[in-house]
Every structure is written in structure tokens, then in C-alpha cells.
Amino acid sequence: MLLTVTALIGLLIIAYLIFVNFYPSFGGDVPKERKILYQSSKQFKDGIFKNIKDVPKDLSLSETLKISKKFFFEKVENGRPKNEIAIEEIDSLELANYDGPTRLIWFGHSAFLLQMNNKNILLDPMLGKVPAPHPLLGGSRFNDSLPIEIEKLPPIDVVLISHDHYDHLDYDSIMLLKDKIEQFYVPLGVGVHLEAWGISKDVIKELDWWQEVYYKNLQLVCTPAQHFSGRKLNNGQSTLWSSWVIKSQAESIFFSGDSGYSGHFKEIGDAYGPFDFAMLECGQYNKMWPDIHMFPEETVQASIDLKSKVFMPIHWGSFKLAYILGQTQLSAQHVKLKP
């Protein structure tokens, strides 16, 4: 019996290694020489990236198995819409020829096309069907189609990526888009995935928190978030996660990526606010991971901290990634709204 169990475990390990080494969607691994460069980052400690607070905690084997059991074997009541979510189709010519005021087109979840100062900027363009390395490992998108087919999108000036999780950095989407993208801006380490997918280093710029760059007449700032990273079992926290500030001479926009609530929102608001519009995550929350995603009340507080005039809850509307939706209660540790 022991021999049989050992053999099965060995086969599973071999199968996993073959899968992650030959299936391209897993992306790349950060080489040792690159880790040496990251040592100058305040977030890079002991060979990995860390949050300002000591979160999320390392899970024990039993906790990991408990979460895995819930994810793969327990059905979430009302976890998916009963009917396909209706979408508003976009005319490709109107999109390509647009020269009006700043506007955002939402593709669901955290994916946006921002048209600003005659620039096309894609934010976390997860436009695929399943937020997982393989279609069998995740639930499908709530709707079968998108407002516009990926192939019909106009040339893209900039892509901003917040972190390397599958619901934000999608292999299939990047492969369909890469030939029409002029520049990628990503947090430290995320470039290894793009390079593994055949994208030239010349069009990838990695940034640390609080680093600023200018793309023509736009200022882009890589700002903090409280989250984590990793695309397979053995590369957790090997790349950085972030939020983004996008500023023109007339407007200021904030994109949260994924983040739990913490003091970084006020720091960002003090440094770059007020914001005309903020996209703030408010989906997939659960009492099992209160530090890496925001509950609705915390999203409202983050908007106040950022001094945003208008905010939009994001990270919902496309995928079921949490186990209990809308049924968790905030504990005493969670934020109370402050003016």
C-alpha cells in the first residue's frame, strides 16, 4: 500500500513538472542574475517580494488542502449568473478613429481599454475564457463574447499589468495582442513571463513601487498594492504586484489592480491625488483572505483615502473566483469608514 501511494505521488510530481515546463501559459522564471538586480527594491527580501505588512500568511499544508478542496469540489450557491451577462458591442472603426475626451471601456473583471490623449492603453487585458493555465483548471467567463473581438482592437500604445495572476495576465490574450502593442509597463519580475512568450525586452519596462515614467504626454506611476504573485507552485512572490497612476495635464486616474485595504491608499492619495476616476477592486472577497482583497466597505474607504471624485468597483462581472459571494461579515479588524 505504501509503495502504491509513493508511486502515485511520484507520478503526480513528474506529471506536474512536465506540465509546467512544456505548457507555455505558466510563463517564465526569474533567473538568479535578475534577483540580484531586485535586491535594491525595498519590497525584495530573502529572495522574494513582500508586502509592507507581513501578509498574506504562509498557509499550512492542512489549510492549503482545505482551500483546494473548496475550490475544486464545493459548489458556490449563486456563484454564477443564471443567464449570460449582456454586453454592449463596440464598433471597431469608431474605436480606432476615436479622438474625443477620455473614456474607459470595461471588458469585465479588471480589464479596460483607456482612451486618453489620443492614446490607447490596455489595463490588465485578461480577455480569455478561463483564468487558469489550462481550460480544465478554472471556471469559464460568464459571457461567451466580448464587446469586441481581440483581433479587431486598434493598435495599442501601452499595456499596464498589475501582477502575474491568471485573471490579470492571460497568455492567450497577450499572444493575440502582442504584435499591435508598442510598450508594456509591468511591476518588477513580470517581464520574465512576457519574454518567455516571445516579446522583445525592448518593449518591456519593469518598475518598482513609486517609480515614474513618461510615455509621450502621459505620466505613469507604479504604486503599491497589498497582494501576492505566482503562476505555479514553486514561484510564489517571485514577481512584484502593483497599482497604477495615470496622469495627463488635465486628468488623473487610478487603477488598483488587486489589493487588500491598507495605508498605501492614503499615501497614494496624498502623493498623486485627488483622482478624477478610480478603478478599485471589490470582488472575490472572502473572510478566508481578508488581507489580499477588499470587502465593499474597504473599497469605499480606499476611494476616500485616494481623494477620488468618482470610483468604480472592479474585479467582478466575468469570473467566479471566491467561494462565498456576498455572505461574509466584516470582523472587528476591518476598517470603519473615515471621512
Protein backbone atom coordinates (compact mmCIF):
# COMPACT_ATOMS: atom_id res chain seq x y z
CA MET A 1 0.00 0.00 0.00
CA LEU A 2 2.78 2.43 0.95
CA LEU A 3 4.61 1.58 -2.25
CA THR A 4 1.49 2.29 -4.31
CA VAL A 5 0.90 5.67 -2.64
CA THR A 6 4.55 6.62 -3.09
CA ALA A 7 4.40 5.65 -6.78
CA LEU A 8 1.23 7.71 -7.30
CA ILE A 9 2.77 10.75 -5.63
CA GLY A 10 5.89 10.33 -7.76
CA LEU A 11 3.79 10.13 -10.95
CA LEU A 12 1.86 13.26 -9.96
CA ILE A 13 5.10 15.16 -9.36
CA ILE A 14 6.50 14.05 -12.72
CA ALA A 15 3.26 14.97 -14.49
CA TYR A 16 3.27 18.40 -12.82
CA LEU A 17 6.89 19.09 -13.80
CA ILE A 18 6.23 18.08 -17.40
CA PHE A 19 3.10 20.23 -17.48
CA VAL A 20 4.67 23.42 -16.11
CA ASN A 21 7.84 23.09 -18.17
CA PHE A 22 6.20 22.49 -21.54
CA TYR A 23 2.87 24.35 -21.28
CA PRO A 24 3.60 27.99 -22.22
CA SER A 25 0.88 29.71 -20.20
CA PHE A 26 2.87 29.24 -16.98
CA GLY A 27 5.31 31.87 -18.24
CA GLY A 28 8.93 32.26 -17.20
CA ASP A 29 11.01 32.07 -14.05
CA VAL A 30 13.08 34.91 -12.61
CA PRO A 31 16.78 33.99 -13.11
CA LYS A 32 19.38 34.46 -10.35
CA GLU A 33 21.06 37.41 -12.07
CA ARG A 34 17.74 39.25 -12.19
CA LYS A 35 17.12 38.61 -8.50
CA ILE A 36 20.42 40.33 -7.79
CA LEU A 37 19.11 43.44 -9.53
CA TYR A 38 15.91 43.33 -7.46
CA GLN A 39 17.84 43.47 -4.18
CA SER A 40 17.78 47.26 -4.44
CA SER A 41 13.98 47.15 -4.03
CA LYS A 42 12.64 47.69 -0.51
CA GLN A 43 9.99 45.10 -1.31
CA PHE A 44 12.50 42.33 -2.18
CA LYS A 45 13.66 40.41 0.88
CA ASP A 46 15.02 36.89 1.34
CA GLY A 47 14.73 36.20 -2.38
CA ILE A 48 11.04 37.11 -2.74
CA PHE A 49 8.81 40.18 -2.86
CA LYS A 50 6.88 41.09 0.28
CA ASN A 51 4.12 43.47 1.32
CA ILE A 52 4.75 46.31 3.74
CA LYS A 53 2.69 44.38 6.30
CA ASP A 54 3.54 40.76 6.96
CA VAL A 55 0.68 39.40 4.84
CA PRO A 56 -0.54 37.09 3.46
CA LYS A 57 0.48 34.46 5.97
CA ASP A 58 2.08 31.25 4.78
CA LEU A 59 -0.56 28.52 4.73
CA SER A 60 -0.01 25.19 6.40
CA LEU A 61 -0.49 22.00 4.40
CA SER A 62 -3.89 21.43 6.01
CA GLU A 63 -5.01 24.99 5.19
CA THR A 64 -3.82 24.61 1.61
CA LEU A 65 -5.71 21.33 1.23
CA LYS A 66 -8.83 22.89 2.76
CA ILE A 67 -8.82 25.75 0.26
CA SER A 68 -8.07 23.35 -2.62
CA LYS A 69 -10.99 21.13 -1.57
CA LYS A 70 -13.34 24.11 -1.54
CA PHE A 71 -12.11 25.37 -4.91
CA PHE A 72 -12.35 22.10 -6.80
CA PHE A 73 -15.16 20.19 -5.09
CA GLU A 74 -17.59 22.59 -3.39
CA LYS A 75 -20.26 24.39 -5.36
CA VAL A 76 -20.84 28.06 -4.62
CA GLU A 77 -24.53 28.86 -4.33
CA ASN A 78 -25.44 31.59 -6.82
CA GLY A 79 -21.77 31.71 -7.83
CA ARG A 80 -22.67 32.24 -11.47
CA PRO A 81 -25.44 34.28 -13.11
CA LYS A 82 -28.43 32.23 -14.21
CA ASN A 83 -28.28 33.86 -17.64
CA GLU A 84 -25.40 35.10 -19.76
CA ILE A 85 -24.49 38.70 -18.95
CA ALA A 86 -25.49 41.06 -21.75
CA ILE A 87 -22.75 43.10 -23.37
CA GLU A 88 -22.70 46.23 -25.49
CA GLU A 89 -20.85 45.67 -28.74
CA ILE A 90 -18.25 48.20 -29.88
CA ASP A 91 -17.69 49.28 -33.47
CA SER A 92 -14.05 48.68 -34.38
CA LEU A 93 -13.83 51.69 -36.72
CA GLU A 94 -15.30 54.05 -34.13
CA LEU A 95 -12.81 52.70 -31.61
CA ALA A 96 -9.85 53.11 -33.94
CA ASN A 97 -10.81 56.63 -35.01
CA TYR A 98 -11.83 57.98 -31.61
CA ASP A 99 -10.34 61.39 -30.74
CA GLY A 100 -12.78 62.64 -28.11
CA PRO A 101 -12.46 63.13 -24.34
CA THR A 102 -11.01 60.48 -22.05
CA ARG A 103 -13.13 57.35 -21.82
CA LEU A 104 -12.87 53.80 -20.47
CA ILE A 105 -14.28 50.63 -21.98
CA TRP A 106 -14.77 47.79 -19.48
CA PHE A 107 -14.35 44.20 -20.62
CA GLY A 108 -15.43 42.82 -17.25
CA HIS A 109 -13.32 41.82 -14.23
CA SER A 110 -10.30 44.19 -14.21
CA ALA A 111 -9.73 44.57 -17.96
CA PHE A 112 -10.13 48.04 -19.50
CA LEU A 113 -9.28 49.97 -22.62
CA LEU A 114 -8.47 53.56 -21.64
CA GLN A 115 -8.56 56.09 -24.47
CA MET A 116 -6.81 59.21 -23.21
CA ASN A 117 -4.93 61.98 -25.00
CA ASN A 118 -5.33 60.07 -28.27
CA LYS A 119 -3.61 57.04 -26.71
CA ASN A 120 -4.94 53.51 -26.37
CA ILE A 121 -3.98 51.98 -23.03
CA LEU A 122 -4.95 48.45 -22.01
CA LEU A 123 -5.20 47.66 -18.29
CA ASP A 124 -4.80 44.00 -17.22
CA PRO A 125 -6.13 42.70 -20.55
CA MET A 126 -7.50 39.34 -19.45
CA LEU A 127 -9.74 38.76 -22.47
CA GLY A 128 -9.61 34.97 -22.44
CA LYS A 129 -12.30 32.48 -21.44
CA VAL A 130 -10.75 30.87 -18.34
CA PRO A 131 -8.49 32.49 -15.69
CA ALA A 132 -6.25 29.45 -15.35
CA PRO A 133 -3.20 27.88 -17.05
CA HIS A 134 -5.49 25.32 -18.73
CA PRO A 135 -9.23 25.45 -19.54
CA LEU A 136 -9.92 22.42 -17.33
CA LEU A 137 -8.45 24.16 -14.27
CA GLY A 138 -10.86 27.08 -13.95
CA GLY A 139 -14.41 28.28 -14.46
CA SER A 140 -15.33 29.90 -17.74
CA ARG A 141 -16.25 33.55 -18.32
CA PHE A 142 -19.88 34.47 -17.58
CA ASN A 143 -20.46 35.50 -21.20
CA ASP A 144 -19.31 33.81 -24.40
CA SER A 145 -18.37 37.00 -26.25
CA LEU A 146 -16.64 40.33 -25.57
CA PRO A 147 -17.68 43.86 -26.58
CA ILE A 148 -15.18 43.49 -29.43
CA GLU A 149 -13.04 40.63 -30.70
CA ILE A 150 -9.41 40.90 -29.66
CA GLU A 151 -8.28 40.85 -33.28
CA LYS A 152 -10.39 43.95 -34.02
CA LEU A 153 -8.86 46.12 -31.31
CA PRO A 154 -6.91 49.13 -32.63
CA PRO A 155 -3.12 49.46 -32.24
CA ILE A 156 -2.30 49.69 -28.53
CA ASP A 157 0.17 52.29 -27.27
CA VAL A 158 0.61 50.95 -23.74
CA VAL A 159 -0.29 47.87 -21.73
CA LEU A 160 -0.21 48.16 -17.93
CA ILE A 161 -0.11 44.93 -15.91
CA SER A 162 -0.76 44.92 -12.16
CA HIS A 163 0.53 41.42 -11.37
CA ASP A 164 1.02 37.98 -12.85
CA HIS A 165 -2.07 36.08 -11.70
CA TYR A 166 -4.06 34.38 -14.47
CA ASP A 167 -7.10 36.63 -14.15
CA HIS A 168 -4.88 39.66 -14.90
CA LEU A 169 -2.08 38.37 -17.13
CA ASP A 170 -3.52 36.00 -19.72
CA TYR A 171 -1.27 34.10 -22.11
CA ASP A 172 -3.81 33.74 -24.94
CA SER A 173 -4.77 37.42 -24.80
CA ILE A 174 -1.14 38.56 -24.87
CA MET A 175 -0.32 36.27 -27.79
CA LEU A 176 -3.19 37.73 -29.83
CA LEU A 177 -2.32 41.31 -28.89
CA LYS A 178 1.48 41.39 -28.80
CA ASP A 179 2.11 42.43 -32.41
CA LYS A 180 -0.02 45.57 -32.04
CA ILE A 181 1.42 46.77 -28.69
CA GLU A 182 4.09 49.47 -28.59
CA GLN A 183 5.08 49.33 -24.90
CA PHE A 184 4.49 47.18 -21.80
CA TYR A 185 4.88 48.61 -18.28
CA VAL A 186 4.88 45.97 -15.54
CA PRO A 187 5.97 45.55 -11.90
CA LEU A 188 9.41 44.05 -11.22
CA GLY A 189 9.77 40.49 -12.46
CA VAL A 190 6.60 40.29 -14.54
CA GLY A 191 8.64 40.90 -17.67
CA VAL A 192 10.01 37.33 -17.49
CA HIS A 193 6.60 35.99 -18.49
CA LEU A 194 6.32 38.31 -21.47
CA GLU A 195 9.86 37.45 -22.57
CA ALA A 196 9.04 33.74 -22.31
CA TRP A 197 6.15 34.40 -24.70
CA GLY A 198 8.43 35.91 -27.35
CA ILE A 199 8.02 39.61 -26.58
CA SER A 200 11.17 41.69 -27.03
CA LYS A 201 12.85 43.11 -23.93
CA ASP A 202 12.99 46.43 -25.80
CA VAL A 203 9.25 46.98 -25.38
CA ILE A 204 9.05 45.88 -21.72
CA LYS A 205 9.77 48.24 -18.85
CA GLU A 206 9.75 46.87 -15.30
CA LEU A 207 9.09 49.30 -12.46
CA ASP A 208 9.31 49.25 -8.68
CA TRP A 209 6.78 50.93 -6.40
CA TRP A 210 6.83 54.74 -6.63
CA GLN A 211 8.84 54.73 -9.85
CA GLU A 212 7.55 57.13 -12.51
CA VAL A 213 7.89 57.09 -16.29
CA TYR A 214 6.57 59.28 -19.07
CA TYR A 215 5.01 57.84 -22.18
CA LYS A 216 4.86 60.79 -24.56
CA ASN A 217 2.44 63.21 -22.82
CA LEU A 218 1.28 60.85 -20.06
CA GLN A 219 2.80 60.21 -16.65
CA LEU A 220 2.63 56.60 -15.43
CA VAL A 221 3.42 55.68 -11.83
CA CYS A 222 3.83 52.18 -10.43
CA THR A 223 2.26 52.43 -6.97
CA PRO A 224 1.90 49.99 -4.05
CA ALA A 225 -0.71 47.29 -3.55
CA GLN A 226 -1.18 44.64 -0.87
CA HIS A 227 -1.41 41.32 -2.65
CA PHE A 228 0.85 38.46 -3.81
CA SER A 229 2.01 36.78 -7.02
CA GLY A 230 2.88 33.49 -8.70
CA ARG A 231 1.80 31.34 -11.62
CA LYS A 232 2.82 27.91 -10.31
CA LEU A 233 3.50 26.13 -7.05
CA ASN A 234 7.19 26.97 -6.78
CA ASN A 235 7.37 30.64 -7.82
CA GLY A 236 5.11 32.45 -5.36
CA GLN A 237 6.09 36.08 -4.67
CA SER A 238 8.88 35.91 -7.27
CA THR A 239 7.38 38.93 -9.06
CA LEU A 240 6.01 42.21 -7.70
CA TRP A 241 2.36 43.36 -7.69
CA SER A 242 1.21 46.96 -8.01
CA SER A 243 -1.45 49.55 -8.65
CA TRP A 244 -1.07 52.30 -11.29
CA VAL A 245 -1.49 56.05 -11.53
CA ILE A 246 -2.14 57.53 -14.98
CA LYS A 247 -1.94 61.33 -15.32
CA SER A 248 -2.28 63.78 -18.17
CA GLN A 249 -2.03 67.54 -17.80
CA ALA A 250 -5.77 67.68 -17.24
CA GLU A 251 -6.81 64.38 -15.64
CA SER A 252 -5.71 61.85 -13.06
CA ILE A 253 -6.80 58.19 -13.00
CA PHE A 254 -6.07 55.37 -10.54
CA PHE A 255 -6.16 51.62 -11.17
CA SER A 256 -5.92 49.42 -8.07
CA GLY A 257 -5.09 46.03 -9.56
CA ASP A 258 -5.69 43.53 -6.75
CA SER A 259 -5.17 44.72 -3.19
CA GLY A 260 -6.30 44.35 0.36
CA TYR A 261 -7.02 47.53 2.29
CA SER A 262 -4.05 49.22 3.93
CA GLY A 263 -2.40 52.60 4.44
CA HIS A 264 -0.91 52.70 0.95
CA PHE A 265 -4.15 54.12 -0.47
CA LYS A 266 -3.80 57.25 1.66
CA GLU A 267 -0.11 57.53 0.72
CA ILE A 268 -1.02 57.38 -2.96
CA GLY A 269 -3.85 59.88 -2.48
CA ASP A 270 -1.53 62.29 -0.68
CA ALA A 271 1.19 61.94 -3.33
CA TYR A 272 -0.87 61.93 -6.55
CA GLY A 273 -4.48 62.73 -5.70
CA PRO A 274 -7.08 63.89 -5.98
CA PHE A 275 -8.17 61.49 -8.72
CA ASP A 276 -10.88 62.20 -11.25
CA PHE A 277 -11.67 58.49 -11.52
CA ALA A 278 -10.53 55.41 -9.61
CA MET A 279 -10.98 51.74 -10.53
CA LEU A 280 -10.98 49.83 -7.23
CA GLU A 281 -11.25 46.11 -6.72
CA CYS A 282 -14.39 44.97 -4.94
CA GLY A 283 -14.98 41.36 -5.89
CA GLN A 284 -13.78 37.87 -4.95
CA TYR A 285 -13.52 38.91 -1.30
CA ASN A 286 -13.81 36.32 1.46
CA LYS A 287 -13.14 36.10 5.20
CA MET A 288 -10.50 33.44 4.43
CA TRP A 289 -8.25 36.07 2.77
CA PRO A 290 -9.09 39.49 4.29
CA ASP A 291 -5.64 40.95 3.64
CA ILE A 292 -5.37 40.47 -0.13
CA HIS A 293 -8.81 41.55 -1.38
CA MET A 294 -11.11 44.32 -0.19
CA PHE A 295 -14.57 44.00 1.26
CA PRO A 296 -17.07 46.58 -0.12
CA GLU A 297 -16.75 48.88 2.89
CA GLU A 298 -12.98 48.88 2.48
CA THR A 299 -13.28 49.75 -1.20
CA VAL A 300 -15.32 52.82 -0.24
CA GLN A 301 -12.69 53.78 2.34
CA ALA A 302 -9.91 53.34 -0.24
CA SER A 303 -11.75 55.76 -2.52
CA ILE A 304 -11.92 58.30 0.31
CA ASP A 305 -8.23 57.81 1.07
CA LEU A 306 -7.34 58.35 -2.59
CA LYS A 307 -9.47 61.52 -2.75
CA SER A 308 -11.20 60.18 -5.84
CA LYS A 309 -14.12 62.15 -7.20
CA VAL A 310 -15.72 59.05 -8.72
CA PHE A 311 -14.82 55.40 -8.29
CA MET A 312 -15.91 52.19 -9.99
CA PRO A 313 -15.88 48.78 -8.29
CA ILE A 314 -13.94 46.30 -10.45
CA HIS A 315 -12.74 42.68 -10.25
CA TRP A 316 -16.22 41.24 -10.81
CA GLY A 317 -18.72 40.55 -13.59
CA SER A 318 -16.75 37.90 -15.51
CA PHE A 319 -15.45 35.08 -13.31
CA LYS A 320 -16.27 33.24 -10.11
CA LEU A 321 -13.05 33.18 -8.08
CA ALA A 322 -14.30 33.40 -4.48
CA TYR A 323 -16.06 30.64 -2.56
CA ILE A 324 -18.72 32.60 -0.70
CA LEU A 325 -20.09 35.58 -2.54
CA GLY A 326 -21.78 38.36 -0.62
CA GLN A 327 -22.31 36.23 2.50
CA THR A 328 -19.31 37.13 4.65
CA GLN A 329 -19.41 39.59 7.52
CA LEU A 330 -16.67 42.04 8.35
CA SER A 331 -14.84 41.30 11.57
CA ALA A 332 -13.80 43.97 14.07
CA GLN A 333 -10.38 44.21 12.45
CA HIS A 334 -11.82 45.70 9.29
CA VAL A 335 -11.89 49.37 8.60
CA LYS A 336 -14.60 51.73 9.73
CA LEU A 337 -15.29 54.49 7.27
CA LYS A 338 -13.34 57.67 7.92
CA PRO A 339 -14.13 60.99 6.18
